[in-house]
Amino acid sequence: KALMLKTLSKDVLTNPIKLKDFTEAATTNLTVDQKLDVGTMR
């Protein structure tokens, strides 16, 4: 919950560096099912 709220906060969403770093960290260790594409996640 804490991570979700921080990620969706203006502090992260409006900070290009933090948003890029989070996106990289989140996706480097992420495996999703065969039906979950990038467009759906976005």
Full PDB file with SEQRES, HELIX, SHEET, SSBOND, CRYST1, ORIGX, SCALE, CONECT and MASTER records, all heavy atoms in Angstrom:
SEQRES   1 A   42  LYS ALA LEU MET LEU LYS THR LEU SER LYS ASP VAL LEU          
SEQRES   2 A   42  THR ASN PRO ILE LYS LEU LYS ASP PHE THR GLU ALA ALA          
SEQRES   3 A   42  THR THR ASN LEU THR VAL ASP GLN LYS LEU ASP VAL GLY          
SEQRES   4 A   42  THR MET ARG                                                  
HELIX    1 AA1 ALA A    2  THR A    7  1                                   6    
HELIX    2 AA2 LYS A   10  LEU A   13  1                                   4    
HELIX    3 AA3 PRO A   16  THR A   28  1                                  13    
HELIX    4 AA4 VAL A   38  MET A   41  1                                   4    
CRYST1    1.000    1.000    1.000  90.00  90.00  90.00 P 1           1          
ORIGX1      1.000000  0.000000  0.000000        0.00000                         
ORIGX2      0.000000  1.000000  0.000000        0.00000                         
ORIGX3      0.000000  0.000000  1.000000        0.00000                         
SCALE1      1.000000  0.000000  0.000000        0.00000                         
SCALE2      0.000000  1.000000  0.000000        0.00000                         
SCALE3      0.000000  0.000000  1.000000        0.00000                         
ATOM      1  N   LYS A   1       0.843  -1.206   0.000  1.00  0.00           N  
ATOM      2  CA  LYS A   1       0.000   0.000   0.000  1.00  0.00           C  
ATOM      3  C   LYS A   1       0.874   1.250   0.000  1.00  0.00           C  
ATOM      4  O   LYS A   1       0.639   2.189  -0.782  1.00  0.00           O  
ATOM      5  CB  LYS A   1      -0.918   0.001   1.219  1.00  0.00           C  
ATOM      6  CG  LYS A   1      -1.751   1.276   1.347  1.00  0.00           C  
ATOM      7  CD  LYS A   1      -2.662   1.236   2.564  1.00  0.00           C  
ATOM      8  CE  LYS A   1      -3.491   2.510   2.671  1.00  0.00           C  
ATOM      9  NZ  LYS A   1      -4.436   2.476   3.816  1.00  0.00           N  
ATOM     10  N   ALA A   2       1.885   1.268   0.854  1.00  0.00           N  
ATOM     11  CA  ALA A   2       2.765   2.435   0.937  1.00  0.00           C  
ATOM     12  C   ALA A   2       3.482   2.671  -0.388  1.00  0.00           C  
ATOM     13  O   ALA A   2       3.615   3.814  -0.845  1.00  0.00           O  
ATOM     14  CB  ALA A   2       3.787   2.234   2.063  1.00  0.00           C  
ATOM     15  N   LEU A   3       3.922   1.605  -1.023  1.00  0.00           N  
ATOM     16  CA  LEU A   3       4.623   1.738  -2.300  1.00  0.00           C  
ATOM     17  C   LEU A   3       3.682   2.215  -3.397  1.00  0.00           C  
ATOM     18  O   LEU A   3       4.048   3.069  -4.219  1.00  0.00           O  
ATOM     19  CB  LEU A   3       5.249   0.392  -2.694  1.00  0.00           C  
ATOM     20  CG  LEU A   3       6.092   0.372  -3.969  1.00  0.00           C  
ATOM     21  CD1 LEU A   3       7.262   1.358  -3.866  1.00  0.00           C  
ATOM     22  CD2 LEU A   3       6.609  -1.034  -4.244  1.00  0.00           C  
ATOM     23  N   MET A   4       2.452   1.701  -3.410  1.00  0.00           N  
ATOM     24  CA  MET A   4       1.461   2.144  -4.396  1.00  0.00           C  
ATOM     25  C   MET A   4       1.188   3.634  -4.263  1.00  0.00           C  
ATOM     26  O   MET A   4       1.179   4.377  -5.246  1.00  0.00           O  
ATOM     27  CB  MET A   4       0.153   1.364  -4.226  1.00  0.00           C  
ATOM     28  CG  MET A   4       0.168  -0.044  -4.758  1.00  0.00           C  
ATOM     29  SD  MET A   4      -1.427  -0.867  -4.485  1.00  0.00           S  
ATOM     30  CE  MET A   4      -2.517   0.147  -5.498  1.00  0.00           C  
ATOM     31  N   LEU A   5       0.945   4.074  -3.020  1.00  0.00           N  
ATOM     32  CA  LEU A   5       0.611   5.480  -2.797  1.00  0.00           C  
ATOM     33  C   LEU A   5       1.774   6.394  -3.167  1.00  0.00           C  
ATOM     34  O   LEU A   5       1.586   7.471  -3.747  1.00  0.00           O  
ATOM     35  CB  LEU A   5       0.209   5.700  -1.336  1.00  0.00           C  
ATOM     36  CG  LEU A   5      -1.134   5.095  -0.926  1.00  0.00           C  
ATOM     37  CD1 LEU A   5      -1.365   5.274   0.568  1.00  0.00           C  
ATOM     38  CD2 LEU A   5      -2.282   5.730  -1.713  1.00  0.00           C  
ATOM     39  N   LYS A   6       2.993   5.971  -2.851  1.00  0.00           N  
ATOM     40  CA  LYS A   6       4.158   6.801  -3.187  1.00  0.00           C  
ATOM     41  C   LYS A   6       4.336   6.868  -4.705  1.00  0.00           C  
ATOM     42  O   LYS A   6       4.613   7.933  -5.269  1.00  0.00           O  
ATOM     43  CB  LYS A   6       5.409   6.216  -2.524  1.00  0.00           C  
ATOM     44  CG  LYS A   6       6.673   7.066  -2.709  1.00  0.00           C  
ATOM     45  CD  LYS A   6       6.516   8.441  -2.061  1.00  0.00           C  
ATOM     46  CE  LYS A   6       7.787   9.288  -2.180  1.00  0.00           C  
ATOM     47  NZ  LYS A   6       8.886   8.793  -1.331  1.00  0.00           N  
ATOM     48  N   THR A   7       4.144   5.744  -5.367  1.00  0.00           N  
ATOM     49  CA  THR A   7       4.319   5.697  -6.814  1.00  0.00           C  
ATOM     50  C   THR A   7       3.299   6.571  -7.532  1.00  0.00           C  
ATOM     51  O   THR A   7       3.606   7.217  -8.536  1.00  0.00           O  
ATOM     52  CB  THR A   7       4.193   4.245  -7.320  1.00  0.00           C  
ATOM     53  OG1 THR A   7       5.135   3.431  -6.618  1.00  0.00           O  
ATOM     54  CG2 THR A   7       4.465   4.163  -8.810  1.00  0.00           C  
ATOM     55  N   LEU A   8       2.064   6.609  -7.011  1.00  0.00           N  
ATOM     56  CA  LEU A   8       1.000   7.386  -7.639  1.00  0.00           C  
ATOM     57  C   LEU A   8       0.971   8.841  -7.175  1.00  0.00           C  
ATOM     58  O   LEU A   8       0.102   9.603  -7.575  1.00  0.00           O  
ATOM     59  CB  LEU A   8      -0.357   6.725  -7.367  1.00  0.00           C  
ATOM     60  CG  LEU A   8      -0.553   5.343  -8.005  1.00  0.00           C  
ATOM     61  CD1 LEU A   8      -1.816   4.688  -7.469  1.00  0.00           C  
ATOM     62  CD2 LEU A   8      -0.615   5.448  -9.524  1.00  0.00           C  
ATOM     63  N   SER A   9       1.920   9.217  -6.319  1.00  0.00           N  
ATOM     64  CA  SER A   9       1.952  10.587  -5.801  1.00  0.00           C  
ATOM     65  C   SER A   9       2.537  11.540  -6.833  1.00  0.00           C  
ATOM     66  O   SER A   9       3.269  11.148  -7.743  1.00  0.00           O  
ATOM     67  CB  SER A   9       2.796  10.651  -4.518  1.00  0.00           C  
ATOM     68  OG  SER A   9       4.166  10.437  -4.825  1.00  0.00           O  
ATOM     69  N   LYS A  10       2.222  12.833  -6.679  1.00  0.00           N  
ATOM     70  CA  LYS A  10       2.763  13.847  -7.578  1.00  0.00           C  
ATOM     71  C   LYS A  10       4.276  13.909  -7.484  1.00  0.00           C  
ATOM     72  O   LYS A  10       4.968  14.222  -8.462  1.00  0.00           O  
ATOM     73  CB  LYS A  10       2.164  15.217  -7.242  1.00  0.00           C  
ATOM     74  CG  LYS A  10       0.693  15.361  -7.602  1.00  0.00           C  
ATOM     75  CD  LYS A  10       0.183  16.754  -7.282  1.00  0.00           C  
ATOM     76  CE  LYS A  10      -1.291  16.889  -7.669  1.00  0.00           C  
ATOM     77  NZ  LYS A  10      -1.815  18.249  -7.342  1.00  0.00           N  
ATOM     78  N   ASP A  11       4.815  13.601  -6.306  1.00  0.00           N  
ATOM     79  CA  ASP A  11       6.258  13.628  -6.098  1.00  0.00           C  
ATOM     80  C   ASP A  11       6.979  12.702  -7.067  1.00  0.00           C  
ATOM     81  O   ASP A  11       8.110  12.978  -7.480  1.00  0.00           O  
ATOM     82  CB  ASP A  11       6.574  13.217  -4.653  1.00  0.00           C  
ATOM     83  CG  ASP A  11       8.065  13.197  -4.369  1.00  0.00           C  
ATOM     84  OD1 ASP A  11       8.722  14.221  -4.647  1.00  0.00           O  
ATOM     85  OD2 ASP A  11       8.572  12.166  -3.874  1.00  0.00           O  
ATOM     86  N   VAL A  12       6.331  11.606  -7.441  1.00  0.00           N  
ATOM     87  CA  VAL A  12       6.940  10.657  -8.378  1.00  0.00           C  
ATOM     88  C   VAL A  12       6.456  10.892  -9.804  1.00  0.00           C  
ATOM     89  O   VAL A  12       7.247  10.959 -10.740  1.00  0.00           O  
ATOM     90  CB  VAL A  12       6.646   9.200  -7.949  1.00  0.00           C  
ATOM     91  CG1 VAL A  12       7.143   8.211  -9.003  1.00  0.00           C  
ATOM     92  CG2 VAL A  12       7.297   8.906  -6.601  1.00  0.00           C  
ATOM     93  N   LEU A  13       5.137  11.034  -9.976  1.00  0.00           N  
ATOM     94  CA  LEU A  13       4.578  11.153 -11.324  1.00  0.00           C  
ATOM     95  C   LEU A  13       5.044  12.404 -12.055  1.00  0.00           C  
ATOM     96  O   LEU A  13       5.085  12.429 -13.286  1.00  0.00           O  
ATOM     97  CB  LEU A  13       3.051  11.123 -11.260  1.00  0.00           C  
ATOM     98  CG  LEU A  13       2.423   9.787 -10.845  1.00  0.00           C  
ATOM     99  CD1 LEU A  13       0.905   9.909 -10.816  1.00  0.00           C  
ATOM    100  CD2 LEU A  13       2.836   8.664 -11.782  1.00  0.00           C  
ATOM    101  N   THR A  14       5.380  13.472 -11.304  1.00  0.00           N  
ATOM    102  CA  THR A  14       5.823  14.708 -11.947  1.00  0.00           C  
ATOM    103  C   THR A  14       7.337  14.877 -11.913  1.00  0.00           C  
ATOM    104  O   THR A  14       7.852  15.929 -12.286  1.00  0.00           O  
ATOM    105  CB  THR A  14       5.168  15.937 -11.273  1.00  0.00           C  
ATOM    106  OG1 THR A  14       5.538  15.972  -9.886  1.00  0.00           O  
ATOM    107  CG2 THR A  14       3.653  15.869 -11.391  1.00  0.00           C  
ATOM    108  N   ASN A  15       8.042  13.854 -11.451  1.00  0.00           N  
ATOM    109  CA  ASN A  15       9.502  13.894 -11.400  1.00  0.00           C  
ATOM    110  C   ASN A  15      10.051  12.917 -12.432  1.00  0.00           C  
ATOM    111  O   ASN A  15      10.025  11.701 -12.218  1.00  0.00           O  
ATOM    112  CB  ASN A  15       9.993  13.521  -9.996  1.00  0.00           C  
ATOM    113  CG  ASN A  15      11.499  13.677  -9.850  1.00  0.00           C  
ATOM    114  OD1 ASN A  15      12.266  13.310 -10.731  1.00  0.00           O  
ATOM    115  ND2 ASN A  15      11.918  14.188  -8.705  1.00  0.00           N  
ATOM    116  N   PRO A  16      10.519  13.400 -13.580  1.00  0.00           N  
ATOM    117  CA  PRO A  16      10.949  12.510 -14.656  1.00  0.00           C  
ATOM    118  C   PRO A  16      12.010  11.496 -14.238  1.00  0.00           C  
ATOM    119  O   PRO A  16      11.980  10.347 -14.665  1.00  0.00           O  
ATOM    120  CB  PRO A  16      11.496  13.471 -15.720  1.00  0.00           C  
ATOM    121  CG  PRO A  16      10.830  14.772 -15.432  1.00  0.00           C  
ATOM    122  CD  PRO A  16      10.653  14.830 -13.948  1.00  0.00           C  
ATOM    123  N   ILE A  17      12.951  11.916 -13.380  1.00  0.00           N  
ATOM    124  CA  ILE A  17      14.029  11.022 -12.968  1.00  0.00           C  
ATOM    125  C   ILE A  17      13.480   9.901 -12.080  1.00  0.00           C  
ATOM    126  O   ILE A  17      13.770   8.717 -12.290  1.00  0.00           O  
ATOM    127  CB  ILE A  17      15.141  11.791 -12.224  1.00  0.00           C  
ATOM    128  CG1 ILE A  17      15.715  12.892 -13.124  1.00  0.00           C  
ATOM    129  CG2 ILE A  17      16.237  10.824 -11.785  1.00  0.00           C  
ATOM    130  CD1 ILE A  17      16.318  12.386 -14.412  1.00  0.00           C  
ATOM    131  N   LYS A  18      12.675  10.258 -11.079  1.00  0.00           N  
ATOM    132  CA  LYS A  18      12.110   9.238 -10.189  1.00  0.00           C  
ATOM    133  C   LYS A  18      11.206   8.281 -10.949  1.00  0.00           C  
ATOM    134  O   LYS A  18      11.223   7.064 -10.711  1.00  0.00           O  
ATOM    135  CB  LYS A  18      11.320   9.902  -9.048  1.00  0.00           C  
ATOM    136  CG  LYS A  18      12.175  10.472  -7.931  1.00  0.00           C  
ATOM    137  CD  LYS A  18      11.309  10.941  -6.769  1.00  0.00           C  
ATOM    138  CE  LYS A  18      12.171  11.474  -5.627  1.00  0.00           C  
ATOM    139  NZ  LYS A  18      11.336  11.934  -4.477  1.00  0.00           N  
ATOM    140  N   LEU A  19      10.398   8.851 -11.853  1.00  0.00           N  
ATOM    141  CA  LEU A  19       9.471   8.000 -12.597  1.00  0.00           C  
ATOM    142  C   LEU A  19      10.239   7.035 -13.499  1.00  0.00           C  
ATOM    143  O   LEU A  19       9.891   5.852 -13.598  1.00  0.00           O  
ATOM    144  CB  LEU A  19       8.530   8.866 -13.437  1.00  0.00           C  
ATOM    145  CG  LEU A  19       7.414   8.110 -14.172  1.00  0.00           C  
ATOM    146  CD1 LEU A  19       6.578   7.295 -13.205  1.00  0.00           C  
ATOM    147  CD2 LEU A  19       6.527   9.089 -14.935  1.00  0.00           C  
ATOM    148  N   LYS A  20      11.305   7.514 -14.122  1.00  0.00           N  
ATOM    149  CA  LYS A  20      12.124   6.640 -14.965  1.00  0.00           C  
ATOM    150  C   LYS A  20      12.794   5.558 -14.130  1.00  0.00           C  
ATOM    151  O   LYS A  20      12.796   4.373 -14.491  1.00  0.00           O  
ATOM    152  CB  LYS A  20      13.173   7.477 -15.711  1.00  0.00           C  
ATOM    153  CG  LYS A  20      13.982   6.702 -16.750  1.00  0.00           C  
ATOM    154  CD  LYS A  20      15.206   5.996 -16.199  1.00  0.00           C  
ATOM    155  CE  LYS A  20      16.259   6.984 -15.715  1.00  0.00           C  
ATOM    156  NZ  LYS A  20      17.497   6.262 -15.220  1.00  0.00           N  
ATOM    157  N   ASP A  21      13.374   5.955 -12.973  1.00  0.00           N  
ATOM    158  CA  ASP A  21      14.055   4.987 -12.112  1.00  0.00           C  
ATOM    159  C   ASP A  21      13.089   3.929 -11.584  1.00  0.00           C  
ATOM    160  O   ASP A  21      13.411   2.743 -11.521  1.00  0.00           O  
ATOM    161  CB  ASP A  21      14.731   5.701 -10.935  1.00  0.00           C  
ATOM    162  CG  ASP A  21      15.946   6.514 -11.367  1.00  0.00           C  
ATOM    163  OD1 ASP A  21      16.409   6.312 -12.511  1.00  0.00           O  
ATOM    164  OD2 ASP A  21      16.415   7.337 -10.570  1.00  0.00           O  
ATOM    165  N   PHE A  22      11.880   4.381 -11.192  1.00  0.00           N  
ATOM    166  CA  PHE A  22      10.890   3.425 -10.691  1.00  0.00           C  
ATOM    167  C   PHE A  22      10.461   2.473 -11.803  1.00  0.00           C  
ATOM    168  O   PHE A  22      10.349   1.258 -11.592  1.00  0.00           O  
ATOM    169  CB  PHE A  22       9.660   4.142 -10.132  1.00  0.00           C  
ATOM    170  CG  PHE A  22       8.574   3.188  -9.721  1.00  0.00           C  
ATOM    171  CD1 PHE A  22       8.627   2.541  -8.499  1.00  0.00           C  
ATOM    172  CD2 PHE A  22       7.513   2.906 -10.568  1.00  0.00           C  
ATOM    173  CE1 PHE A  22       7.650   1.629  -8.130  1.00  0.00           C  
ATOM    174  CE2 PHE A  22       6.528   2.007 -10.217  1.00  0.00           C  
ATOM    175  CZ  PHE A  22       6.598   1.363  -8.984  1.00  0.00           C  
ATOM    176  N   THR A  23      10.192   3.027 -12.985  1.00  0.00           N  
ATOM    177  CA  THR A  23       9.768   2.193 -14.107  1.00  0.00           C  
ATOM    178  C   THR A  23      10.810   1.132 -14.411  1.00  0.00           C  
ATOM    179  O   THR A  23      10.494  -0.038 -14.646  1.00  0.00           O  
ATOM    180  CB  THR A  23       9.520   3.068 -15.353  1.00  0.00           C  
ATOM    181  OG1 THR A  23       8.515   4.037 -15.053  1.00  0.00           O  
ATOM    182  CG2 THR A  23       9.061   2.225 -16.530  1.00  0.00           C  
ATOM    183  N   GLU A  24      12.075   1.541 -14.370  1.00  0.00           N  
ATOM    184  CA  GLU A  24      13.161   0.605 -14.657  1.00  0.00           C  
ATOM    185  C   GLU A  24      13.243  -0.470 -13.573  1.00  0.00           C  
ATOM    186  O   GLU A  24      13.367  -1.668 -13.861  1.00  0.00           O  
ATOM    187  CB  GLU A  24      14.477   1.368 -14.748  1.00  0.00           C  
ATOM    188  CG  GLU A  24      15.500   0.746 -15.665  1.00  0.00           C  
ATOM    189  CD  GLU A  24      16.433   1.786 -16.254  1.00  0.00           C  
ATOM    190  OE1 GLU A  24      16.746   2.781 -15.556  1.00  0.00           O  
ATOM    191  OE2 GLU A  24      16.829   1.609 -17.408  1.00  0.00           O  
ATOM    192  N   ALA A  25      13.158  -0.044 -12.308  1.00  0.00           N  
ATOM    193  CA  ALA A  25      13.252  -1.002 -11.198  1.00  0.00           C  
ATOM    194  C   ALA A  25      12.073  -1.968 -11.190  1.00  0.00           C  
ATOM    195  O   ALA A  25      12.230  -3.164 -10.947  1.00  0.00           O  
ATOM    196  CB  ALA A  25      13.317  -0.243  -9.866  1.00  0.00           C  
ATOM    197  N   ALA A  26      10.883  -1.434 -11.465  1.00  0.00           N  
ATOM    198  CA  ALA A  26       9.677  -2.258 -11.417  1.00  0.00           C  
ATOM    199  C   ALA A  26       9.646  -3.288 -12.530  1.00  0.00           C  
ATOM    200  O   ALA A  26       9.198  -4.426 -12.338  1.00  0.00           O  
ATOM    201  CB  ALA A  26       8.438  -1.370 -11.492  1.00  0.00           C  
ATOM    202  N   THR A  27      10.130  -2.910 -13.705  1.00  0.00           N  
ATOM    203  CA  THR A  27       9.996  -3.799 -14.856  1.00  0.00           C  
ATOM    204  C   THR A  27      11.164  -4.763 -15.019  1.00  0.00           C  
ATOM    205  O   THR A  27      11.022  -5.804 -15.658  1.00  0.00           O  
ATOM    206  CB  THR A  27       9.836  -2.981 -16.150  1.00  0.00           C  
ATOM    207  OG1 THR A  27      10.939  -2.073 -16.292  1.00  0.00           O  
ATOM    208  CG2 THR A  27       8.540  -2.186 -16.118  1.00  0.00           C  
ATOM    209  N   THR A  28      12.310  -4.430 -14.439  1.00  0.00           N  
ATOM    210  CA  THR A  28      13.476  -5.310 -14.572  1.00  0.00           C  
ATOM    211  C   THR A  28      13.223  -6.669 -13.926  1.00  0.00           C  
ATOM    212  O   THR A  28      13.706  -7.696 -14.388  1.00  0.00           O  
ATOM    213  CB  THR A  28      14.724  -4.654 -13.937  1.00  0.00           C  
ATOM    214  OG1 THR A  28      15.006  -3.439 -14.629  1.00  0.00           O  
ATOM    215  CG2 THR A  28      15.928  -5.570 -14.030  1.00  0.00           C  
ATOM    216  N   ASN A  29      12.448  -6.682 -12.840  1.00  0.00           N  
ATOM    217  CA  ASN A  29      12.196  -7.918 -12.099  1.00  0.00           C  
ATOM    218  C   ASN A  29      10.753  -8.396 -12.248  1.00  0.00           C  
ATOM    219  O   ASN A  29      10.226  -9.070 -11.363  1.00  0.00           O  
ATOM    220  CB  ASN A  29      12.500  -7.710 -10.611  1.00  0.00           C  
ATOM    221  CG  ASN A  29      13.949  -7.402 -10.347  1.00  0.00           C  
ATOM    222  OD1 ASN A  29      14.780  -8.297 -10.289  1.00  0.00           O  
ATOM    223  ND2 ASN A  29      14.272  -6.120 -10.217  1.00  0.00           N  
ATOM    224  N   LEU A  30      10.125  -8.027 -13.352  1.00  0.00           N  
ATOM    225  CA  LEU A  30       8.695  -8.313 -13.505  1.00  0.00           C  
ATOM    226  C   LEU A  30       8.441  -9.279 -14.657  1.00  0.00           C  
ATOM    227  O   LEU A  30       8.939  -9.103 -15.760  1.00  0.00           O  
ATOM    228  CB  LEU A  30       7.940  -7.007 -13.761  1.00  0.00           C  
ATOM    229  CG  LEU A  30       6.424  -7.112 -13.957  1.00  0.00           C  
ATOM    230  CD1 LEU A  30       5.733  -7.613 -12.687  1.00  0.00           C  
ATOM    231  CD2 LEU A  30       5.848  -5.756 -14.360  1.00  0.00           C  
ATOM    232  N   THR A  31       7.645 -10.311 -14.359  1.00  0.00           N  
ATOM    233  CA  THR A  31       7.161 -11.232 -15.391  1.00  0.00           C  
ATOM    234  C   THR A  31       5.643 -11.241 -15.317  1.00  0.00           C  
ATOM    235  O   THR A  31       5.078 -11.385 -14.223  1.00  0.00           O  
ATOM    236  CB  THR A  31       7.695 -12.659 -15.171  1.00  0.00           C  
ATOM    237  OG1 THR A  31       9.128 -12.636 -15.167  1.00  0.00           O  
ATOM    238  CG2 THR A  31       7.211 -13.597 -16.266  1.00  0.00           C  
ATOM    239  N   VAL A  32       4.983 -11.071 -16.443  1.00  0.00           N  
ATOM    240  CA  VAL A  32       3.521 -11.026 -16.464  1.00  0.00           C  
ATOM    241  C   VAL A  32       2.979 -12.121 -17.374  1.00  0.00           C  
ATOM    242  O   VAL A  32       3.714 -12.738 -18.145  1.00  0.00           O  
ATOM    243  CB  VAL A  32       3.000  -9.636 -16.916  1.00  0.00           C  
ATOM    244  CG1 VAL A  32       3.475  -8.552 -15.964  1.00  0.00           C  
ATOM    245  CG2 VAL A  32       3.445  -9.330 -18.346  1.00  0.00           C  
ATOM    246  N   ASP A  33       1.672 -12.330 -17.291  1.00  0.00           N  
ATOM    247  CA  ASP A  33       1.053 -13.386 -18.077  1.00  0.00           C  
ATOM    248  C   ASP A  33       1.004 -13.033 -19.556  1.00  0.00           C  
ATOM    249  O   ASP A  33       1.268 -11.898 -19.957  1.00  0.00           O  
ATOM    250  CB  ASP A  33      -0.362 -13.681 -17.556  1.00  0.00           C  
ATOM    251  CG  ASP A  33      -1.295 -12.499 -17.743  1.00  0.00           C  
ATOM    252  OD1 ASP A  33      -1.839 -12.341 -18.854  1.00  0.00           O  
ATOM    253  OD2 ASP A  33      -1.494 -11.718 -16.784  1.00  0.00           O  
ATOM    254  N   GLN A  34       0.632 -14.018 -20.335  1.00  0.00           N  
ATOM    255  CA  GLN A  34       0.651 -13.894 -21.789  1.00  0.00           C  
ATOM    256  C   GLN A  34      -0.379 -12.918 -22.341  1.00  0.00           C  
ATOM    257  O   GLN A  34      -0.306 -12.516 -23.511  1.00  0.00           O  
ATOM    258  CB  GLN A  34       0.434 -15.275 -22.436  1.00  0.00           C  
ATOM    259  CG  GLN A  34      -0.914 -15.929 -22.147  1.00  0.00           C  
ATOM    260  CD  GLN A  34      -0.948 -16.785 -20.887  1.00  0.00           C  
ATOM    261  OE1 GLN A  34      -0.202 -16.523 -19.941  1.00  0.00           O  
ATOM    262  NE2 GLN A  34      -1.792 -17.812 -20.878  1.00  0.00           N  
ATOM    263  N   LYS A  35      -1.332 -12.472 -21.505  1.00  0.00           N  
ATOM    264  CA  LYS A  35      -2.384 -11.571 -21.979  1.00  0.00           C  
ATOM    265  C   LYS A  35      -2.201 -10.119 -21.514  1.00  0.00           C  
ATOM    266  O   LYS A  35      -2.923  -9.233 -21.958  1.00  0.00           O  
ATOM    267  CB  LYS A  35      -3.751 -12.065 -21.498  1.00  0.00           C  
ATOM    268  CG  LYS A  35      -4.154 -13.422 -22.048  1.00  0.00           C  
ATOM    269  CD  LYS A  35      -5.516 -13.829 -21.515  1.00  0.00           C  
ATOM    270  CE  LYS A  35      -5.946 -15.183 -22.041  1.00  0.00           C  
ATOM    271  NZ  LYS A  35      -7.263 -15.590 -21.498  1.00  0.00           N  
ATOM    272  N   LEU A  36      -1.270  -9.904 -20.606  1.00  0.00           N  
ATOM    273  CA  LEU A  36      -1.098  -8.567 -20.026  1.00  0.00           C  
ATOM    274  C   LEU A  36      -0.037  -7.802 -20.811  1.00  0.00           C  
ATOM    275  O   LEU A  36       1.166  -7.995 -20.618  1.00  0.00           O  
ATOM    276  CB  LEU A  36      -0.696  -8.669 -18.554  1.00  0.00           C  
ATOM    277  CG  LEU A  36      -0.610  -7.362 -17.760  1.00  0.00           C  
ATOM    278  CD1 LEU A  36      -1.904  -6.570 -17.846  1.00  0.00           C  
ATOM    279  CD2 LEU A  36      -0.252  -7.643 -16.304  1.00  0.00           C  
ATOM    280  N   ASP A  37      -0.484  -6.911 -21.701  1.00  0.00           N  
ATOM    281  CA  ASP A  37       0.458  -6.153 -22.514  1.00  0.00           C  
ATOM    282  C   ASP A  37       0.727  -4.783 -21.901  1.00  0.00           C  
ATOM    283  O   ASP A  37       0.091  -4.365 -20.938  1.00  0.00           O  
ATOM    284  CB  ASP A  37      -0.040  -6.017 -23.955  1.00  0.00           C  
ATOM    285  CG  ASP A  37      -1.413  -5.376 -24.056  1.00  0.00           C  
ATOM    286  OD1 ASP A  37      -1.741  -4.512 -23.215  1.00  0.00           O  
ATOM    287  OD2 ASP A  37      -2.171  -5.738 -24.974  1.00  0.00           O  
ATOM    288  N   VAL A  38       1.689  -4.084 -22.488  1.00  0.00           N  
ATOM    289  CA  VAL A  38       2.110  -2.782 -21.963  1.00  0.00           C  
ATOM    290  C   VAL A  38       0.968  -1.775 -22.002  1.00  0.00           C  
ATOM    291  O   VAL A  38       0.782  -0.980 -21.078  1.00  0.00           O  
ATOM    292  CB  VAL A  38       3.322  -2.265 -22.760  1.00  0.00           C  
ATOM    293  CG1 VAL A  38       3.662  -0.833 -22.352  1.00  0.00           C  
ATOM    294  CG2 VAL A  38       4.523  -3.162 -22.532  1.00  0.00           C  
ATOM    295  N   GLY A  39       0.178  -1.791 -23.066  1.00  0.00           N  
ATOM    296  CA  GLY A  39      -0.939  -0.853 -23.182  1.00  0.00           C  
ATOM    297  C   GLY A  39      -1.945  -1.026 -22.058  1.00  0.00           C  
ATOM    298  O   GLY A  39      -2.440  -0.041 -21.490  1.00  0.00           O  
ATOM    299  N   THR A  40      -2.243  -2.275 -21.713  1.00  0.00           N  
ATOM    300  CA  THR A  40      -3.180  -2.538 -20.614  1.00  0.00           C  
ATOM    301  C   THR A  40      -2.625  -2.040 -19.296  1.00  0.00           C  
ATOM    302  O   THR A  40      -3.340  -1.425 -18.498  1.00  0.00           O  
ATOM    303  CB  THR A  40      -3.475  -4.051 -20.522  1.00  0.00           C  
ATOM    304  OG1 THR A  40      -4.021  -4.496 -21.766  1.00  0.00           O  
ATOM    305  CG2 THR A  40      -4.462  -4.340 -19.406  1.00  0.00           C  
ATOM    306  N   MET A  41      -1.342  -2.291 -19.049  1.00  0.00           N  
ATOM    307  CA  MET A  41      -0.715  -1.832 -17.804  1.00  0.00           C  
ATOM    308  C   MET A  41      -0.751  -0.312 -17.704  1.00  0.00           C  
ATOM    309  O   MET A  41      -1.053   0.247 -16.642  1.00  0.00           O  
ATOM    310  CB  MET A  41       0.723  -2.340 -17.725  1.00  0.00           C  
ATOM    311  CG  MET A  41       0.845  -3.834 -17.465  1.00  0.00           C  
ATOM    312  SD  MET A  41       2.548  -4.365 -17.153  1.00  0.00           S  
ATOM    313  CE  MET A  41       3.184  -4.424 -18.832  1.00  0.00           C  
ATOM    314  N   ARG A  42      -0.447   0.351 -18.809  1.00  0.00           N  
ATOM    315  CA  ARG A  42      -0.445   1.816 -18.810  1.00  0.00           C  
ATOM    316  C   ARG A  42      -1.847   2.360 -18.556  1.00  0.00           C  
ATOM    317  O   ARG A  42      -2.033   3.287 -17.750  1.00  0.00           O  
ATOM    318  CB  ARG A  42       0.099   2.331 -20.145  1.00  0.00           C  
ATOM    319  CG  ARG A  42       0.183   3.842 -20.226  1.00  0.00           C  
ATOM    320  CD  ARG A  42       0.929   4.300 -21.480  1.00  0.00           C  
ATOM    321  NE  ARG A  42       0.354   3.740 -22.694  1.00  0.00           N  
ATOM    322  CZ  ARG A  42       1.003   2.924 -23.521  1.00  0.00           C  
ATOM    323  NH1 ARG A  42       2.240   2.548 -23.253  1.00  0.00           N  
ATOM    324  NH2 ARG A  42       0.421   2.463 -24.614  1.00  0.00           N  
TER     325      ARG A  42                                                      
MASTER        0    0    0    4    0    0    0    6  324    1    0    4          
END                                                                             
